[in-house]
Protein backbone atom coordinates (compact mmCIF):
# COMPACT_ATOMS: atom_id res chain seq x y z
CA UNK A 1 103.25 23.38 83.37
CA UNK A 2 104.75 20.87 85.99
CA UNK A 3 104.30 21.49 89.56
CA UNK A 4 107.92 21.76 90.15
CA UNK A 5 108.40 24.39 87.19
CA UNK A 6 105.48 26.29 88.36
CA UNK A 7 106.55 26.50 91.98
CA UNK A 8 110.15 27.65 90.67
CA UNK A 9 108.18 30.14 88.39
CA UNK A 10 106.42 31.72 91.16
CA UNK A 11 109.49 31.80 93.62
CA UNK A 12 111.47 33.59 90.66
CA UNK A 13 108.65 36.37 90.02
CA UNK A 14 108.44 37.10 93.98
CA UNK A 15 112.20 37.61 94.17
CA UNK A 16 112.27 39.88 91.09
CA UNK A 17 109.40 41.80 92.01
CA UNK A 18 110.76 42.11 95.59
CA UNK A 19 114.35 43.14 94.65
CA UNK A 20 112.89 45.47 92.00
CA UNK A 21 110.65 47.28 94.73
CA UNK A 22 113.24 47.35 97.08
CA UNK A 23 115.59 49.09 94.57
CA UNK A 24 113.30 51.43 93.39
CA UNK A 25 111.89 52.10 96.96
CA UNK A 26 115.62 52.70 98.17
CA UNK A 27 116.08 55.22 95.31
CA UNK A 28 112.66 57.00 96.16
CA UNK A 29 113.60 57.52 99.65
CA UNK A 30 117.10 58.82 98.82
CA UNK A 31 115.31 61.43 96.49
CA UNK A 32 112.89 62.33 99.10
CA UNK A 33 115.34 62.62 101.57
CA UNK A 34 117.36 65.08 99.51
CA UNK A 35 114.37 66.79 98.35
CA UNK A 36 113.58 67.29 102.14
CA UNK A 37 116.93 68.52 102.72
CA UNK A 38 116.51 71.19 99.77
CA UNK A 39 113.38 72.06 101.45
CA UNK A 40 114.67 72.47 104.99
CA UNK A 41 117.50 75.01 103.71
CA UNK A 42 114.60 76.77 101.84
CA UNK A 43 112.51 76.98 104.85
CA UNK A 44 115.90 78.40 106.97
CA UNK A 45 116.57 80.79 104.57
CA UNK A 46 112.52 82.12 103.95
CA UNK A 47 112.13 82.14 107.95
CA UNK A 48 115.32 84.14 108.64
CA UNK A 49 114.46 86.50 105.83
CA UNK A 50 110.92 87.07 107.02
CA UNK A 51 111.92 87.28 110.54
CA UNK A 52 114.66 90.13 109.39
CA UNK A 53 112.21 92.06 107.67
CA UNK A 54 109.62 91.85 110.37
CA UNK A 55 112.18 93.26 112.83
CA UNK A 56 113.52 95.87 110.50
CA UNK A 57 109.71 97.07 110.31
CA UNK A 58 109.73 97.04 114.35
CA UNK A 59 112.74 99.06 114.57
CA UNK A 60 111.97 101.44 112.02
CA UNK A 61 108.74 101.96 114.15
CA UNK A 62 111.02 102.89 116.94
CA UNK A 63 110.34 99.91 118.82
CA UNK A 64 112.97 98.49 121.27
CA UNK A 65 114.72 95.65 119.93
CA UNK A 66 114.12 93.57 123.32
CA UNK A 67 110.26 94.26 122.67
CA UNK A 68 110.37 92.55 119.43
CA UNK A 69 110.89 88.99 120.90
CA UNK A 70 107.26 88.27 120.23
CA UNK A 71 108.02 88.60 116.56
CA UNK A 72 110.43 85.52 116.60
CA UNK A 73 108.98 82.44 115.19
CA UNK A 74 107.82 79.38 117.46
CA UNK A 75 108.43 75.83 116.18
CA UNK A 76 111.21 72.93 116.36
CA UNK A 77 113.76 75.32 115.59
CA UNK A 78 115.86 77.74 117.40
CA UNK A 79 115.83 81.64 116.27
CA UNK A 80 118.38 84.19 117.59
CA UNK A 81 118.92 87.82 116.84
CA UNK A 82 122.78 88.58 117.22
CA UNK A 83 125.18 91.27 116.40
CA UNK A 84 128.72 90.89 114.55
CA UNK A 85 130.45 90.48 117.99
CA UNK A 86 128.45 87.03 118.44
CA UNK A 87 126.36 88.66 121.21
CA UNK A 88 122.60 87.19 121.58
CA UNK A 89 120.28 90.11 121.70
CA UNK A 90 117.07 88.27 121.45
CA UNK A 91 116.01 84.44 121.01
CA UNK A 92 112.77 82.44 120.91
CA UNK A 93 111.85 80.80 124.46
CA UNK A 94 111.46 77.34 122.76
CA UNK A 95 113.90 74.72 121.95
CA UNK A 96 116.53 75.66 125.05
CA UNK A 97 118.71 72.99 123.77
CA UNK A 98 122.08 74.11 124.74
CA UNK A 99 124.23 77.43 125.33
CA UNK A 100 123.53 79.96 122.42
CA UNK A 101 127.21 80.64 122.13
CA UNK A 102 127.36 76.78 120.81
CA UNK A 103 125.14 77.87 117.91
CA UNK A 104 126.70 81.14 117.22
CA UNK A 105 130.41 80.29 117.23
CA UNK A 106 130.30 78.32 113.87
CA UNK A 107 129.28 81.67 112.41
CA UNK A 108 131.77 83.80 113.10
CA UNK A 109 133.98 82.40 110.17
CA UNK A 110 131.29 83.67 107.72
CA UNK A 111 131.85 87.05 105.74
CA UNK A 112 128.87 89.03 107.62
CA UNK A 113 129.57 92.33 106.54
CA UNK A 114 129.41 91.45 103.02
CA UNK A 115 126.29 89.40 103.62
CA UNK A 116 124.52 92.68 104.94
CA UNK A 117 125.98 94.73 101.88
CA UNK A 118 124.04 91.99 99.58
CA UNK A 119 121.16 92.10 101.73
CA UNK A 120 120.54 88.48 100.97
CA UNK A 121 119.82 85.53 103.19
CA UNK A 122 122.76 82.68 103.31
CA UNK A 123 122.05 78.82 104.20
CA UNK A 124 124.66 76.23 105.67
CA UNK A 125 124.95 73.29 107.51
CA UNK A 126 126.95 73.53 110.74
CA UNK A 127 127.63 71.17 113.47
CA UNK A 128 126.58 72.06 117.04
CA UNK A 129 127.07 69.89 119.71
CA UNK A 130 127.96 67.13 117.49
CA UNK A 131 124.57 67.36 115.82
CA UNK A 132 124.32 68.84 112.25
CA UNK A 133 121.82 71.94 111.55
CA UNK A 134 120.32 73.43 108.76
CA UNK A 135 120.92 77.37 108.98
CA UNK A 136 119.58 80.29 107.42
CA UNK A 137 121.41 83.76 108.33
CA UNK A 138 119.67 87.00 107.07
CA UNK A 139 120.82 90.57 107.62
CA UNK A 140 118.51 93.08 109.22
CA UNK A 141 118.39 95.83 106.76
CA UNK A 142 118.01 98.83 109.39
CA UNK A 143 121.09 97.81 110.96
CA UNK A 144 123.97 96.62 109.26
CA UNK A 145 125.29 95.23 112.76
CA UNK A 146 122.22 93.03 113.52
CA UNK A 147 121.42 89.50 111.89
CA UNK A 148 118.81 86.88 112.45
CA UNK A 149 119.57 83.04 112.23
CA UNK A 150 117.29 80.23 112.30
CA UNK A 151 118.35 76.24 113.22
CA UNK A 152 116.75 73.48 112.19
CA UNK A 153 118.07 70.19 113.71
CA UNK A 154 118.85 67.54 110.84
CA UNK A 155 117.24 64.94 112.97
CA UNK A 156 114.03 66.33 112.19
CA UNK A 157 114.74 64.93 108.57
CA UNK A 158 114.57 61.44 109.81
CA UNK A 159 111.17 62.16 111.79
CA UNK A 160 109.76 63.09 108.30
CA UNK A 161 111.49 60.09 106.73
CA UNK A 162 110.47 57.30 109.38
CA UNK A 163 107.05 56.99 108.29
CA UNK A 164 107.56 56.68 104.81
CA UNK A 165 110.33 54.18 105.22
CA UNK A 166 107.98 51.90 107.69
CA UNK A 167 105.29 52.11 105.16
CA UNK A 168 107.30 51.12 102.35
CA UNK A 169 108.68 48.13 104.23
CA UNK A 170 105.31 46.94 104.99
CA UNK A 171 104.27 47.68 101.23
CA UNK A 172 107.09 45.77 99.89
CA UNK A 173 106.02 42.70 102.29
CA UNK A 174 102.58 43.00 100.96
CA UNK A 175 103.37 43.48 97.50
CA UNK A 176 105.63 40.08 97.61
CA UNK A 177 103.14 38.02 99.05
CA UNK A 178 100.26 39.35 96.52
CA UNK A 179 102.60 38.67 93.46
CA UNK A 180 103.24 35.05 94.90
CA UNK A 181 99.54 34.38 95.01
CA UNK A 182 99.22 36.39 91.57
CA UNK A 183 102.03 34.20 89.83
CA UNK A 184 100.39 31.27 91.31
CA UNK A 185 96.96 32.20 89.32
CA UNK A 186 98.90 33.35 86.29
CA UNK A 187 100.48 30.30 85.53
CA UNK A 188 97.39 28.24 85.53
CA UNK A 189 94.98 30.44 83.37
CA UNK A 190 97.78 31.95 80.88
CA UNK A 191 97.68 29.93 77.74
CA UNK A 192 94.21 30.20 76.65
CA UNK A 193 93.64 33.92 77.03
CA UNK A 194 97.17 34.45 75.11
CA UNK A 195 95.86 32.86 72.16
CA UNK A 196 92.80 34.67 71.80
CA UNK A 197 94.57 37.94 72.40
CA UNK A 198 97.04 37.47 69.72
CA UNK A 199 94.19 36.75 67.35
CA UNK A 200 92.27 40.19 68.23
CA UNK A 201 95.62 41.85 68.14
CA UNK A 202 96.08 41.05 64.56
CA UNK A 203 92.45 42.20 63.83
CA UNK A 204 92.98 45.50 65.63
CA UNK A 205 96.35 46.00 63.59
CA UNK A 206 94.19 45.67 60.44
CA UNK A 207 91.84 48.43 61.59
CA UNK A 208 89.27 46.84 63.22
CA UNK A 209 88.36 48.53 66.13
CA UNK A 210 84.99 47.58 67.42
CA UNK A 211 86.44 44.69 69.30
CA UNK A 212 84.93 44.08 73.05
CA UNK A 213 87.38 41.40 74.83
CA UNK A 214 85.04 39.66 77.37
CA UNK A 215 87.30 38.89 80.69
CA UNK A 216 86.67 38.87 84.21
CA UNK A 217 90.05 37.79 85.40
CA UNK A 218 91.97 39.70 87.84
CA UNK A 219 95.43 38.81 86.62
CA UNK A 220 97.75 40.31 83.85
CA UNK A 221 95.83 39.01 81.26
CA UNK A 222 92.57 40.24 82.23
CA UNK A 223 94.01 43.70 82.75
CA UNK A 224 95.57 43.29 79.19
CA UNK A 225 92.17 42.25 77.59
CA UNK A 226 90.32 45.44 79.51
CA UNK A 227 92.99 47.69 78.09
CA UNK A 228 92.55 46.20 74.61
CA UNK A 229 88.82 47.03 74.56
CA UNK A 230 89.55 50.47 76.18
CA UNK A 231 92.24 51.13 73.19
CA UNK A 232 89.63 50.15 70.62
CA UNK A 233 86.78 52.39 72.11
CA UNK A 234 89.79 55.27 71.97
CA UNK A 235 90.86 54.09 68.47
CA UNK A 236 87.18 54.48 67.23
CA UNK A 237 86.87 58.08 69.31
CA UNK A 238 89.90 59.07 67.27
CA UNK A 239 88.60 57.98 63.88
CA UNK A 240 85.54 59.99 64.51
CA UNK A 241 87.36 63.02 65.70
CA UNK A 242 89.67 62.67 62.42
CA UNK A 243 86.53 62.67 60.32
CA UNK A 244 85.10 65.77 62.00
CA UNK A 245 88.57 67.42 61.59
CA UNK A 246 88.64 66.58 58.04
CA UNK A 247 85.34 68.20 57.36
CA UNK A 248 86.49 71.31 59.31
CA UNK A 249 89.62 71.31 57.27
CA UNK A 250 87.91 70.90 53.75
CA UNK A 251 85.76 73.85 54.66
CA UNK A 252 89.20 75.68 55.60
CA UNK A 253 91.05 74.66 52.59
CA UNK A 254 93.47 72.67 54.87
CA UNK A 255 93.06 69.05 53.69
CA UNK A 256 97.11 68.86 53.04
CA UNK A 257 97.50 69.28 56.91
CA UNK A 258 94.86 66.80 57.84
CA UNK A 259 96.92 64.30 55.47
CA UNK A 260 100.19 65.04 57.55
CA UNK A 261 98.23 64.79 60.64
CA UNK A 262 96.70 61.38 59.71
CA UNK A 263 99.88 60.01 58.96
CA UNK A 264 101.28 61.15 61.92
CA UNK A 265 98.52 59.69 63.83
CA UNK A 266 99.08 56.23 62.18
CA UNK A 267 102.68 56.40 62.76
CA UNK A 268 102.27 57.34 66.70
CA UNK A 269 99.74 54.53 67.10
CA UNK A 270 101.42 51.82 64.90
CA UNK A 271 104.44 51.76 66.82
CA UNK A 272 102.92 50.90 70.32
CA UNK A 273 100.59 48.48 68.69
CA UNK A 274 102.90 46.62 67.01
CA UNK A 275 104.87 46.06 70.32
CA UNK A 276 101.85 44.85 71.78
CA UNK A 277 101.42 42.18 69.23
CA UNK A 278 105.06 41.38 69.28
CA UNK A 279 105.52 41.00 72.93
CA UNK A 280 101.96 39.04 73.26
CA UNK A 281 103.43 36.61 70.54
CA UNK A 282 106.86 36.14 72.27
CA UNK A 283 104.95 35.66 75.50
CA UNK A 284 102.81 32.68 74.20
CA UNK A 285 105.94 31.10 72.83
CA UNK A 286 107.90 31.33 76.07
CA UNK A 287 104.72 30.14 78.01
CA UNK A 288 104.29 27.10 75.45
CA UNK A 289 107.98 26.17 76.18
CA UNK A 290 107.59 26.45 80.20
CA UNK A 291 109.38 29.84 80.17
CA UNK A 292 108.43 33.30 81.95
CA UNK A 293 106.42 35.06 79.90
CA UNK A 294 105.02 37.58 82.61
CA UNK A 295 107.64 40.56 81.84
CA UNK A 296 106.52 40.44 77.86
CA UNK A 297 103.12 40.82 79.32
CA UNK A 298 104.01 43.50 81.41
CA UNK A 299 105.67 45.33 78.46
CA UNK A 300 102.68 44.79 76.24
CA UNK A 301 100.47 46.41 78.87
CA UNK A 302 102.74 49.45 79.09
CA UNK A 303 102.72 50.03 75.49
CA UNK A 304 98.89 49.78 75.61
CA UNK A 305 98.82 52.55 78.04
CA UNK A 306 101.30 54.46 76.10
CA UNK A 307 98.79 54.32 73.23
CA UNK A 308 96.03 55.35 75.12
CA UNK A 309 98.25 58.58 76.39
CA UNK A 310 99.07 59.03 72.83
CA UNK A 311 95.53 59.10 72.04
CA UNK A 312 94.93 61.20 74.73
CA UNK A 313 97.13 64.08 73.36
CA UNK A 314 95.88 63.66 70.12
CA UNK A 315 92.04 63.92 71.05
CA UNK A 316 93.31 67.39 73.12
CA UNK A 317 94.91 68.77 70.06
CA UNK A 318 92.16 68.06 67.99
CA UNK A 319 89.32 69.37 70.12
CA UNK A 320 90.63 72.68 71.31
CA UNK A 321 88.03 74.96 72.30
CA UNK A 322 87.59 78.65 71.07
CA UNK A 323 89.50 80.82 73.63
CA UNK A 324 87.82 83.57 75.70
CA UNK A 325 88.53 87.18 75.47
CA UNK A 326 89.06 88.43 79.10
CA UNK A 327 90.71 91.84 80.26
CA UNK A 328 93.96 90.31 82.24
CA UNK A 329 96.43 92.66 84.31
CA UNK A 330 99.41 91.46 82.66
CA UNK A 331 101.71 92.09 85.62
CA UNK A 332 99.77 90.20 88.26
CA UNK A 333 99.04 87.52 85.77
CA UNK A 334 102.82 87.08 85.07
CA UNK A 335 103.71 87.18 88.73
CA UNK A 336 101.06 84.58 89.62
CA UNK A 337 102.52 82.20 87.32
CA UNK A 338 106.08 82.90 88.15
CA UNK A 339 105.44 82.07 91.84
CA UNK A 340 103.54 78.81 90.75
CA UNK A 341 107.01 77.73 88.89
CA UNK A 342 109.93 79.26 90.66
CA UNK A 343 110.29 76.91 93.68
CA UNK A 344 109.80 73.62 91.21
CA UNK A 345 112.38 74.85 88.85
CA UNK A 346 115.08 75.96 91.74
CA UNK A 347 114.55 72.67 93.13
CA UNK A 348 116.23 71.52 90.07
CA UNK A 349 119.08 73.84 90.11
CA UNK A 350 117.43 76.31 87.41
CA UNK A 351 116.88 79.81 88.20
CA UNK A 352 113.32 81.31 87.10
CA UNK A 353 114.00 85.26 86.53
CA UNK A 354 111.02 87.36 85.76
CA UNK A 355 111.51 90.32 83.56
CA UNK A 356 108.71 92.89 83.42
CA UNK A 357 108.28 96.55 82.93
CA UNK A 358 106.69 98.92 85.32
CA UNK A 359 103.50 100.06 82.98
CA UNK A 360 100.17 98.55 83.96
CA UNK A 361 99.04 96.61 80.83
CA UNK A 362 95.67 95.42 80.21
CA UNK A 363 95.82 92.63 77.37
CA UNK A 364 92.95 90.68 76.16
CA UNK A 365 93.25 86.87 75.84
CA UNK A 366 92.10 83.60 77.63
CA UNK A 367 94.37 83.11 80.60
CA UNK A 368 93.48 79.56 81.08
CA UNK A 369 94.96 78.93 77.58
CA UNK A 370 98.02 81.25 77.80
CA UNK A 371 99.02 79.79 81.11
CA UNK A 372 98.97 76.25 79.25
CA UNK A 373 101.20 77.70 76.57
CA UNK A 374 103.79 79.28 79.07
CA UNK A 375 103.60 75.88 81.10
CA UNK A 376 104.42 74.00 77.84
CA UNK A 377 107.29 76.38 76.93
CA UNK A 378 108.76 76.32 80.48
CA UNK A 379 108.69 72.45 80.68
CA UNK A 380 110.53 72.13 77.31
CA UNK A 381 113.28 74.97 78.52
CA UNK A 382 113.57 72.67 81.63
CA UNK A 383 114.20 69.73 79.81
CA UNK A 384 116.66 71.11 77.16
CA UNK A 385 118.37 72.58 80.29
CA UNK A 386 118.47 69.15 82.42
CA UNK A 387 119.58 67.18 79.19
CA UNK A 388 122.62 69.45 78.92
CA UNK A 389 123.13 70.30 82.69
CA UNK A 390 125.58 73.18 83.32
CA UNK A 391 126.23 76.09 86.20
CA UNK A 392 123.95 79.02 86.37
CA UNK A 393 120.90 77.32 84.35
CA UNK A 394 118.64 79.88 83.98
CA UNK A 395 115.03 80.72 82.38
CA UNK A 396 113.73 84.13 81.81
CA UNK A 397 110.03 85.18 81.69
CA UNK A 398 109.66 88.65 80.10
CA UNK A 399 107.39 90.98 78.18
CA UNK A 400 107.86 93.66 75.56
CA UNK A 401 105.68 96.39 74.17
CA UNK A 402 104.70 97.08 70.79
CA UNK A 403 102.20 99.73 69.53
CA UNK A 404 99.41 96.87 68.70
CA UNK A 405 101.04 93.84 70.19
CA UNK A 406 102.05 92.31 73.57
CA UNK A 407 105.12 90.28 73.28
CA UNK A 408 105.65 87.46 76.11
CA UNK A 409 108.93 85.67 75.97
CA UNK A 410 110.21 82.71 77.34
CA UNK A 411 114.20 82.44 77.21
CA UNK A 412 116.70 80.01 78.04
CA UNK A 413 120.36 79.65 78.19
CA UNK A 414 120.48 75.85 77.41
CA UNK A 415 122.24 74.23 74.25
CA UNK A 416 119.91 76.02 71.48
CA UNK A 417 118.22 74.69 68.50
CA UNK A 418 119.60 73.99 65.33
CA UNK A 419 118.35 75.63 62.06
CA UNK A 420 116.95 72.15 60.81
CA UNK A 421 114.95 71.75 64.08
CA UNK A 422 113.64 75.06 64.11
CA UNK A 423 111.94 74.69 60.77
CA UNK A 424 109.95 71.58 62.10
CA UNK A 425 109.31 72.53 65.90
CA UNK A 426 106.12 73.51 65.59
CA UNK A 427 104.52 70.56 63.28
CA UNK A 428 102.46 67.99 64.77
CA UNK A 429 104.24 64.72 66.32
CA UNK A 430 107.70 66.30 65.63
CA UNK A 431 109.77 65.82 68.93
CA UNK A 432 113.39 65.90 69.67
CA UNK A 433 112.95 64.37 73.29
CA UNK A 434 114.52 60.91 73.53
CA UNK A 435 112.52 57.55 73.89
CA UNK A 436 109.11 58.16 74.82
CA UNK A 437 109.06 61.26 76.72
CA UNK A 438 106.64 63.16 74.48
CA UNK A 439 104.36 62.96 71.68
CA UNK A 440 105.56 66.20 69.84
CA UNK A 441 101.94 67.79 69.84
CA UNK A 442 102.92 70.41 72.76
CA UNK A 443 104.49 73.06 70.59
CA UNK A 444 101.88 72.44 67.80
CA UNK A 445 98.82 72.88 70.37
CA UNK A 446 100.55 76.12 71.67
CA UNK A 447 100.97 77.29 68.11
CA UNK A 448 97.27 76.65 67.52
CA UNK A 449 96.15 78.53 70.64
CA UNK A 450 98.30 81.70 69.83
CA UNK A 451 96.61 81.45 66.13
CA UNK A 452 93.12 81.26 67.58
CA UNK A 453 93.82 84.45 69.54
CA UNK A 454 94.71 86.35 66.51
CA UNK A 455 98.51 86.17 67.15
CA UNK A 456 101.38 84.08 66.83
CA UNK A 457 104.16 81.92 68.53
CA UNK A 458 107.84 82.17 67.32
CA UNK A 459 111.29 80.97 68.24
CA UNK A 460 114.46 82.38 67.86
CA UNK A 461 117.61 80.38 68.69
CA UNK A 462 121.08 79.06 67.61
CA UNK A 463 123.16 76.04 68.91
CA UNK A 464 125.19 77.03 71.95
CA UNK A 465 123.24 80.40 72.66
CA UNK A 466 119.86 79.22 74.10
CA UNK A 467 116.33 79.47 72.90
CA UNK A 468 113.57 82.19 72.85
CA UNK A 469 109.85 81.92 72.34
CA UNK A 470 107.82 84.60 71.76
CA UNK A 471 104.04 84.55 72.06
CA UNK A 472 102.61 87.62 70.27
CA UNK A 473 98.91 88.74 71.43
CA UNK A 474 96.95 91.98 70.30
CA UNK A 475 96.80 94.07 73.63
CA UNK A 476 95.55 97.35 74.86
CA UNK A 477 97.36 99.74 77.41
CA UNK A 478 95.99 102.15 80.01
């Protein structure tokens, strides 16, 4: 490659990387600001509700309202307790940034009496003295005429985003400089390693996994060489795992399942490996013609990573540990799981509903593995809803009791599952997720976990009516 062409190639790579980074950083920053806005609204709602409850407790204890001023939270926000006539009764001492009336006037247009009846918090964006505020308003349950309002200035959103924006600019500059240097080294050292990698890829595609690619290079070819060595080791481990599984399955008269599983493994691994070979060969031809082969090499690297992820999922499926048998207080177990998932789903406009009974039930199962199953089912329900978005997207986590069986169900109001898909939904490597989003082992693993508990996992669904997955686990009640 002559000097002029090399310099043009370096400049082109630097420009592409810089523009790509700028675009993705802008999108990432916009999504971050959007998330922070939702978090501010959630904080305003939570803070107003908790303050209203605290004041209600104080009023129930016959404390004068004025003496409860110390309950009001302190921070970069204003907090008011006011009545329906717009009179401020108490306020936090911080943030004396304008008359209270300027803050409360926009609230008079709201349906405050109805808010008191519903006993819920409301969040709004309103303008105060020309500045946008995130506001949470909550009624005080002991007095239908009293409300708590918490005002977060929107300007604090910029204070959160500014350091990240500055870091992104510096990171972009550094990345562009680093990419230029890497491209310069890449163009000098690419041809010979590519020929070697092409031959090794063909050998690995034929099943020769004991390949060690020696390379001390720090560029894309060096990274690809080390990834090849790692993939060969993983494939060798996978072969060993499959052989072990074959022995276990033979003892359990499940050789047919092993054949299906092995075929799925071969199919899943063959696709990324074939893509690696094709991209390296195309890259070699482009380099020989003086063209840019770096994008093809990056695609090959990504396919190697994808193969490694598939192998990791396969190994997890193959070496499932025997579940422990622990006594679990079911209502607390489900409440803890609900609390860890609720905010994440609500950030995606999906409501999570907890539908449990009042009886205290003790169940025997492995809580770590059951959490894994429930997490997989919630992720699948979320993906189904987000792939077919609509208003009032909802997932319900609930329980039903039979004499000898505990039923935990995950129900969504998504697009539902066709009869054809339902017949295959627990098969290893079967997936309806588009592109490279899943390996098809999540539900198969969940099904196996329930079987090891002596229970089962089933699904009821029809197109247009959502889906319900039910975990059946042996249980005892007290």
